[in-house]
Amino acid sequence: MKRVTVLGGGSWGTTLALVLHDNGHHVVIWEFDSKQVEAVRNDGENRKFLPDVPLPPSIEITNDLSVSLDGAETVVFAVPSHVIRLVAGDAAAMIPDGTHVVNVAKGIENKTLMRMSEVLAHELNRPEAARISSLVGPSHAEEVSRKLPTTVVAGALDETTAVFTRDLFMTEYLRVYTNTDLIGVELGVSLKNVIAIAAGICDGLGYGDNTKGALLTRGLAEMTRLGVTMGGRPETFAGLSGMGDLITTCISKHSRNRHVGEAIADGRALDEILDSMVMVAEGVRTTRSVAELSEKLSVEMPICEQMNLVLFEGKPPREAIANLMLRDPRPEHVGT
């Protein structure tokens, strides 16, 4: 049994706390909102983010960061990608060098264009991703918390760290694979959120299965192009953190990013959509980062480029789709 601290009391953080508890670990959740902490304690469940899923009383929850990290052998960062740097900076002095750190957020930081393990390594003052892993893949909290069969991947630069993370989380309902292509793993799960916004737009505009099939295929090609340029392995994007998460996020009723796209297609303003959501749609901020990376690295990413124009430049969604369809014809090369 290990003492594991989960930083972030949202739906995924709460779900992973339940997984760790099922594996016999002592789990502490840190949640910054003291009112939410009291509500969870009183209700015996996280009604705001994960309703109707009982939380065992042996899982502690606190809004005191130092208390949550006291004696932690593993720390799971389950906060949104845009606040990981802030939380890691606050927690750095309380996390010893030998502590295993697991990221579960999916995103690319704005401005720095860093992946999440890079942000953590920087703020925790560690060598590149030392004992840092990312546990990601096609995994909606709404399903994992109810023990529906799910598979994810533990990505790390070294096999030992990946195996440690695998063994920490693997259960009869959560199967964990390992992958030492940390770059590809983190980029795959981040980039697919941008494609999921496009999928929501297609659904909102009433397009059909043909459109969705084309979008996922060409979206995966864009993801792979950028990922390989940044040092990832092409086969990673055919796996759980690439194609697997892409399919799930683009078709699921639980997908926040697909929801954003549907609402955009319905004519709603982006700020209004985001203000109405309880949870974070990571793909919105990631779209900005991807647009910068595409330009900086001279990687052609037409779908992501159009999503950036729709979200942040007010381009009409139908016009964006038309522009994609009327691009110069070319032969198909898989992965390009």
Protein backbone atom coordinates (compact mmCIF):
# COMPACT_ATOMS: atom_id res chain seq x y z
CA MET A 1 0.00 0.00 0.00
CA LYS A 2 1.30 3.44 -0.95
CA ARG A 3 0.25 6.90 0.15
CA VAL A 4 -0.92 8.69 -2.97
CA THR A 5 -2.00 12.31 -3.24
CA VAL A 6 -4.33 13.35 -6.06
CA LEU A 7 -4.11 17.08 -6.75
CA GLY A 8 -7.47 18.05 -8.19
CA GLY A 9 -10.94 17.06 -7.07
CA GLY A 10 -12.72 17.16 -10.41
CA SER A 11 -14.36 14.21 -12.13
CA TRP A 12 -11.13 12.56 -13.29
CA GLY A 13 -9.20 13.21 -10.09
CA THR A 14 -12.06 11.76 -8.05
CA THR A 15 -12.29 8.75 -10.36
CA LEU A 16 -8.58 8.01 -10.14
CA ALA A 17 -8.79 8.30 -6.36
CA LEU A 18 -11.42 5.55 -6.49
CA VAL A 19 -9.19 3.41 -8.73
CA LEU A 20 -6.25 3.82 -6.36
CA HIS A 21 -8.49 3.02 -3.41
CA ASP A 22 -9.64 -0.16 -5.15
CA ASN A 23 -5.98 -1.12 -5.46
CA GLY A 24 -5.53 -0.81 -1.71
CA HIS A 25 -3.66 2.49 -1.55
CA HIS A 26 -4.14 5.25 1.01
CA VAL A 27 -5.51 8.16 -1.02
CA VAL A 28 -5.73 11.88 -0.25
CA ILE A 29 -7.46 14.32 -2.60
CA TRP A 30 -6.50 17.99 -2.61
CA GLU A 31 -9.23 20.35 -3.80
CA PHE A 32 -8.58 24.11 -3.79
CA ASP A 33 -12.24 25.04 -3.14
CA SER A 34 -12.96 24.69 0.60
CA LYS A 35 -16.74 24.77 0.00
CA GLN A 36 -16.42 21.87 -2.43
CA VAL A 37 -14.35 19.94 0.13
CA GLU A 38 -17.08 20.36 2.73
CA ALA A 39 -19.76 19.37 0.23
CA VAL A 40 -17.94 16.14 -0.66
CA ARG A 41 -17.41 15.31 3.00
CA ASN A 42 -21.06 15.93 3.85
CA ASP A 43 -22.52 14.20 0.78
CA GLY A 44 -20.18 11.23 0.64
CA GLU A 45 -19.83 11.85 -3.10
CA ASN A 46 -18.67 14.50 -5.54
CA ARG A 47 -22.10 15.72 -6.68
CA LYS A 48 -20.71 18.65 -8.63
CA PHE A 49 -18.35 16.70 -10.88
CA LEU A 50 -19.19 12.99 -10.44
CA PRO A 51 -22.75 12.58 -9.12
CA ASP A 52 -24.17 9.29 -7.87
CA VAL A 53 -20.77 7.69 -7.32
CA PRO A 54 -20.16 7.00 -3.59
CA LEU A 55 -16.79 8.05 -2.20
CA PRO A 56 -15.47 5.76 0.56
CA PRO A 57 -14.85 7.61 3.83
CA SER A 58 -11.29 6.26 3.89
CA ILE A 59 -10.45 8.56 0.95
CA GLU A 60 -9.41 11.83 2.57
CA ILE A 61 -10.15 15.21 0.99
CA THR A 62 -8.66 18.54 2.03
CA ASN A 63 -8.01 22.02 0.67
CA ASP A 64 -4.70 22.26 2.58
CA LEU A 65 -1.94 21.52 0.08
CA SER A 66 0.75 20.81 2.67
CA VAL A 67 -1.52 18.41 4.57
CA SER A 68 -2.38 16.54 1.37
CA LEU A 69 1.28 16.11 0.39
CA ASP A 70 2.59 15.10 3.80
CA GLY A 71 4.19 11.68 3.39
CA ALA A 72 3.03 11.23 -0.21
CA GLU A 73 5.00 8.60 -2.14
CA THR A 74 3.26 9.39 -5.42
CA VAL A 75 1.59 12.63 -6.53
CA VAL A 76 -1.03 12.66 -9.28
CA PHE A 77 -1.59 16.00 -11.02
CA ALA A 78 -5.27 15.95 -12.01
CA VAL A 79 -5.82 19.69 -12.39
CA PRO A 80 -6.54 21.34 -15.78
CA SER A 81 -3.50 21.85 -17.99
CA HIS A 82 -3.59 25.64 -17.75
CA VAL A 83 -3.10 25.58 -13.95
CA ILE A 84 -0.57 22.73 -13.68
CA ARG A 85 2.35 25.18 -13.61
CA LEU A 86 0.77 27.19 -10.78
CA VAL A 87 -0.08 24.13 -8.67
CA ALA A 88 3.29 22.49 -9.32
CA GLY A 89 5.08 25.69 -8.31
CA ASP A 90 3.15 25.84 -5.05
CA ALA A 91 3.76 22.15 -4.35
CA ALA A 92 7.40 21.87 -5.47
CA ALA A 93 9.01 22.39 -2.06
CA MET A 94 6.71 19.73 -0.55
CA ILE A 95 7.48 17.00 -3.12
CA PRO A 96 10.83 15.23 -2.52
CA ASP A 97 13.01 14.41 -5.53
CA GLY A 98 12.34 10.66 -5.28
CA THR A 99 8.57 11.01 -5.42
CA HIS A 100 6.84 9.58 -8.47
CA VAL A 101 4.75 12.19 -10.27
CA VAL A 102 1.87 11.26 -12.58
CA ASN A 103 0.24 13.74 -14.94
CA VAL A 104 -3.26 13.05 -16.24
CA ALA A 105 -4.01 16.39 -17.92
CA LYS A 106 -4.20 16.69 -21.71
CA GLY A 107 -2.95 19.91 -23.19
CA ILE A 108 -0.11 22.03 -24.57
CA GLU A 109 0.68 25.11 -22.53
CA ASN A 110 -0.01 28.44 -24.21
CA LYS A 111 3.01 30.66 -24.98
CA THR A 112 5.68 28.18 -23.78
CA LEU A 113 4.21 25.42 -26.00
CA MET A 114 5.36 22.87 -23.42
CA ARG A 115 3.85 19.45 -22.87
CA MET A 116 2.61 18.70 -19.35
CA SER A 117 5.58 16.56 -18.31
CA GLU A 118 7.89 19.38 -19.42
CA VAL A 119 5.97 21.88 -17.30
CA LEU A 120 6.18 19.57 -14.29
CA ALA A 121 9.88 18.88 -14.77
CA HIS A 122 10.53 22.62 -14.97
CA GLU A 123 8.50 23.59 -11.91
CA LEU A 124 9.69 20.65 -9.80
CA ASN A 125 13.29 21.38 -10.83
CA ARG A 126 13.98 17.86 -12.05
CA PRO A 127 16.00 16.49 -14.95
CA GLU A 128 13.88 15.97 -18.03
CA ALA A 129 10.79 14.05 -16.88
CA ALA A 130 12.70 12.12 -14.17
CA ARG A 131 10.14 9.83 -12.48
CA ILE A 132 7.39 11.71 -14.27
CA SER A 133 4.76 9.87 -16.30
CA SER A 134 1.49 10.65 -18.06
CA LEU A 135 -1.50 8.34 -17.64
CA VAL A 136 -3.79 9.08 -20.57
CA GLY A 137 -6.00 7.54 -23.22
CA PRO A 138 -9.68 7.01 -24.07
CA SER A 139 -11.07 7.26 -20.56
CA HIS A 140 -14.17 9.20 -19.58
CA ALA A 141 -14.53 9.54 -15.80
CA GLU A 142 -18.25 8.85 -16.08
CA GLU A 143 -17.46 5.33 -17.30
CA VAL A 144 -14.31 4.44 -15.33
CA SER A 145 -15.97 5.46 -12.05
CA ARG A 146 -18.67 2.90 -12.80
CA LYS A 147 -16.03 0.26 -13.56
CA LEU A 148 -16.77 -0.06 -17.26
CA PRO A 149 -13.83 -1.75 -19.07
CA THR A 150 -11.29 0.88 -20.12
CA THR A 151 -7.73 0.86 -21.45
CA VAL A 152 -5.17 3.66 -21.09
CA VAL A 153 -1.43 4.08 -21.52
CA ALA A 154 1.28 5.05 -19.04
CA GLY A 155 3.83 7.11 -20.97
CA ALA A 156 7.29 7.83 -19.56
CA LEU A 157 10.81 8.33 -20.89
CA ASP A 158 11.98 5.15 -19.15
CA GLU A 159 10.31 1.77 -18.87
CA THR A 160 10.78 1.59 -15.09
CA THR A 161 8.69 4.70 -14.48
CA ALA A 162 6.05 3.58 -16.96
CA VAL A 163 5.78 0.16 -15.29
CA PHE A 164 5.52 1.76 -11.84
CA THR A 165 2.58 3.85 -13.03
CA ARG A 166 0.99 0.86 -14.74
CA ASP A 167 1.14 -1.23 -11.57
CA LEU A 168 -0.20 1.63 -9.46
CA PHE A 169 -3.40 2.01 -11.46
CA MET A 170 -4.10 -1.27 -13.24
CA THR A 171 -7.27 -3.04 -12.12
CA GLU A 172 -9.71 -5.58 -13.53
CA TYR A 173 -11.63 -2.72 -15.18
CA LEU A 174 -8.74 -0.34 -16.01
CA ARG A 175 -6.10 -1.97 -18.21
CA VAL A 176 -2.86 0.01 -18.48
CA TYR A 177 -0.28 -0.36 -21.26
CA THR A 178 3.19 1.22 -21.18
CA ASN A 179 4.95 3.38 -23.78
CA THR A 180 8.34 5.10 -23.61
CA ASP A 181 7.37 7.58 -26.35
CA LEU A 182 6.31 10.24 -23.85
CA ILE A 183 6.38 12.95 -26.51
CA GLY A 184 4.01 11.07 -28.80
CA VAL A 185 1.72 9.99 -25.97
CA GLU A 186 1.27 13.52 -24.62
CA LEU A 187 0.89 15.13 -28.02
CA GLY A 188 -1.67 12.58 -29.20
CA VAL A 189 -4.08 13.10 -26.32
CA SER A 190 -3.70 16.88 -26.59
CA LEU A 191 -4.08 17.27 -30.34
CA LYS A 192 -7.14 15.03 -30.57
CA ASN A 193 -9.11 17.58 -28.51
CA VAL A 194 -8.78 20.10 -31.33
CA ILE A 195 -10.13 17.55 -33.81
CA ALA A 196 -12.96 16.78 -31.37
CA ILE A 197 -14.08 20.41 -31.52
CA ALA A 198 -14.22 20.05 -35.30
CA ALA A 199 -16.23 16.83 -34.86
CA GLY A 200 -18.73 18.70 -32.71
CA ILE A 201 -19.06 21.39 -35.35
CA CYS A 202 -19.76 18.74 -37.99
CA ASP A 203 -22.42 17.16 -35.76
CA GLY A 204 -23.93 20.55 -34.98
CA LEU A 205 -24.16 21.42 -38.67
CA GLY A 206 -25.94 18.15 -39.38
CA TYR A 207 -23.19 16.48 -41.40
CA GLY A 208 -23.10 12.70 -41.52
CA ASP A 209 -20.95 9.64 -40.98
CA ASN A 210 -18.99 10.23 -44.19
CA THR A 211 -17.88 13.60 -42.86
CA LYS A 212 -16.94 12.19 -39.46
CA GLY A 213 -14.93 9.36 -41.02
CA ALA A 214 -12.98 11.79 -43.18
CA LEU A 215 -12.42 14.17 -40.29
CA LEU A 216 -10.99 11.51 -37.98
CA THR A 217 -8.74 10.09 -40.69
CA ARG A 218 -7.33 13.41 -41.83
CA GLY A 219 -7.22 14.67 -38.27
CA LEU A 220 -5.06 11.71 -37.30
CA ALA A 221 -2.77 12.52 -40.23
CA GLU A 222 -2.30 16.06 -38.88
CA MET A 223 -1.68 14.79 -35.36
CA THR A 224 0.95 12.37 -36.64
CA ARG A 225 2.67 14.98 -38.80
CA LEU A 226 3.18 17.38 -35.94
CA GLY A 227 3.98 14.63 -33.45
CA VAL A 228 6.73 13.11 -35.57
CA THR A 229 8.19 16.56 -36.28
CA MET A 230 8.40 17.15 -32.52
CA GLY A 231 10.13 13.82 -31.87
CA GLY A 232 7.28 11.36 -31.36
CA ARG A 233 7.10 7.95 -33.00
CA PRO A 234 4.52 7.56 -35.80
CA GLU A 235 3.18 4.26 -34.45
CA THR A 236 2.23 5.92 -31.16
CA PHE A 237 -0.49 7.87 -32.97
CA ALA A 238 -2.11 4.61 -34.07
CA GLY A 239 -2.41 3.57 -30.42
CA LEU A 240 -4.51 4.41 -27.39
CA SER A 241 -3.20 7.94 -26.95
CA GLY A 242 -3.71 8.69 -30.63
CA MET A 243 -6.42 6.96 -32.61
CA GLY A 244 -8.04 5.44 -29.52
CA ASP A 245 -8.55 8.72 -27.71
CA LEU A 246 -9.41 10.50 -30.96
CA ILE A 247 -12.30 8.14 -31.73
CA THR A 248 -13.66 8.25 -28.19
CA THR A 249 -13.53 12.02 -27.88
CA CYS A 250 -15.05 12.66 -31.31
CA ILE A 251 -18.08 10.40 -30.86
CA SER A 252 -18.86 10.47 -27.14
CA LYS A 253 -21.76 12.22 -25.45
CA HIS A 254 -19.38 12.83 -22.52
CA SER A 255 -16.88 14.82 -24.62
CA ARG A 256 -16.56 18.41 -23.49
CA ASN A 257 -14.60 19.39 -26.58
CA ARG A 258 -17.19 17.92 -28.94
CA HIS A 259 -19.83 19.82 -26.97
CA VAL A 260 -17.98 23.08 -27.58
CA GLY A 261 -17.99 22.40 -31.31
CA GLU A 262 -21.71 21.63 -31.34
CA ALA A 263 -22.47 24.85 -29.48
CA ILE A 264 -20.27 26.85 -31.88
CA ALA A 265 -22.19 25.38 -34.81
CA ASP A 266 -25.41 26.45 -33.07
CA GLY A 267 -24.22 30.05 -33.20
CA ARG A 268 -23.26 30.52 -29.55
CA ALA A 269 -20.27 32.68 -28.58
CA LEU A 270 -17.20 30.89 -27.24
CA ASP A 271 -17.08 32.84 -23.97
CA GLU A 272 -20.74 32.05 -23.31
CA ILE A 273 -20.15 28.35 -23.96
CA LEU A 274 -17.16 28.12 -21.66
CA ASP A 275 -18.87 30.09 -18.88
CA SER A 276 -21.79 27.64 -18.94
CA MET A 277 -19.60 24.55 -18.52
CA VAL A 278 -18.81 22.99 -15.14
CA MET A 279 -15.70 21.23 -16.44
CA VAL A 280 -12.85 22.40 -18.68
CA ALA A 281 -12.66 21.80 -22.43
CA GLU A 282 -8.89 21.47 -22.84
CA GLY A 283 -9.03 21.67 -26.62
CA VAL A 284 -9.89 25.37 -26.69
CA ARG A 285 -6.58 26.55 -25.24
CA THR A 286 -4.69 23.78 -27.02
CA THR A 287 -6.00 25.07 -30.36
CA ARG A 288 -4.01 28.28 -29.84
CA SER A 289 -0.86 26.33 -29.01
CA VAL A 290 -1.25 24.03 -32.01
CA ALA A 291 -1.66 27.00 -34.35
CA GLU A 292 1.61 28.44 -33.02
CA LEU A 293 3.43 25.11 -33.27
CA SER A 294 2.17 24.53 -36.81
CA GLU A 295 3.49 27.92 -37.92
CA LYS A 296 6.73 27.70 -35.95
CA LEU A 297 7.62 24.22 -37.24
CA SER A 298 6.14 24.70 -40.75
CA VAL A 299 3.82 21.71 -40.35
CA GLU A 300 0.70 21.75 -42.49
CA MET A 301 -2.38 21.31 -40.24
CA PRO A 302 -5.41 22.59 -42.17
CA ILE A 303 -8.11 21.27 -39.80
CA CYS A 304 -6.41 22.74 -36.74
CA GLU A 305 -5.79 25.99 -38.62
CA GLN A 306 -9.49 26.31 -39.45
CA MET A 307 -10.48 25.53 -35.84
CA ASN A 308 -8.23 28.35 -34.66
CA LEU A 309 -9.92 30.74 -37.08
CA VAL A 310 -13.40 29.61 -36.02
CA LEU A 311 -12.72 29.83 -32.27
CA PHE A 312 -10.67 32.99 -32.13
CA GLU A 313 -11.22 34.92 -35.37
CA GLY A 314 -14.99 34.48 -35.74
CA LYS A 315 -14.85 32.51 -38.97
CA PRO A 316 -18.23 30.89 -39.79
CA PRO A 317 -18.06 27.10 -39.29
CA ARG A 318 -19.63 26.28 -42.67
CA GLU A 319 -17.06 28.46 -44.40
CA ALA A 320 -14.27 26.65 -42.55
CA ILE A 321 -15.54 23.25 -43.71
CA ALA A 322 -15.91 24.54 -47.28
CA ASN A 323 -12.31 25.78 -47.24
CA LEU A 324 -11.13 22.33 -46.17
CA MET A 325 -13.10 20.62 -48.93
CA LEU A 326 -11.80 22.99 -51.62
CA ARG A 327 -8.09 22.65 -50.84
CA ASP A 328 -5.89 21.69 -53.79
CA PRO A 329 -6.30 17.98 -54.67
CA ARG A 330 -3.46 15.62 -53.84
CA PRO A 331 -2.70 11.89 -53.57
CA GLU A 332 -3.36 10.24 -50.21
CA HIS A 333 -0.28 9.11 -48.32
CA VAL A 334 -1.12 7.46 -45.01
CA GLY A 335 0.18 9.53 -42.13
CA THR A 336 0.75 12.65 -44.27
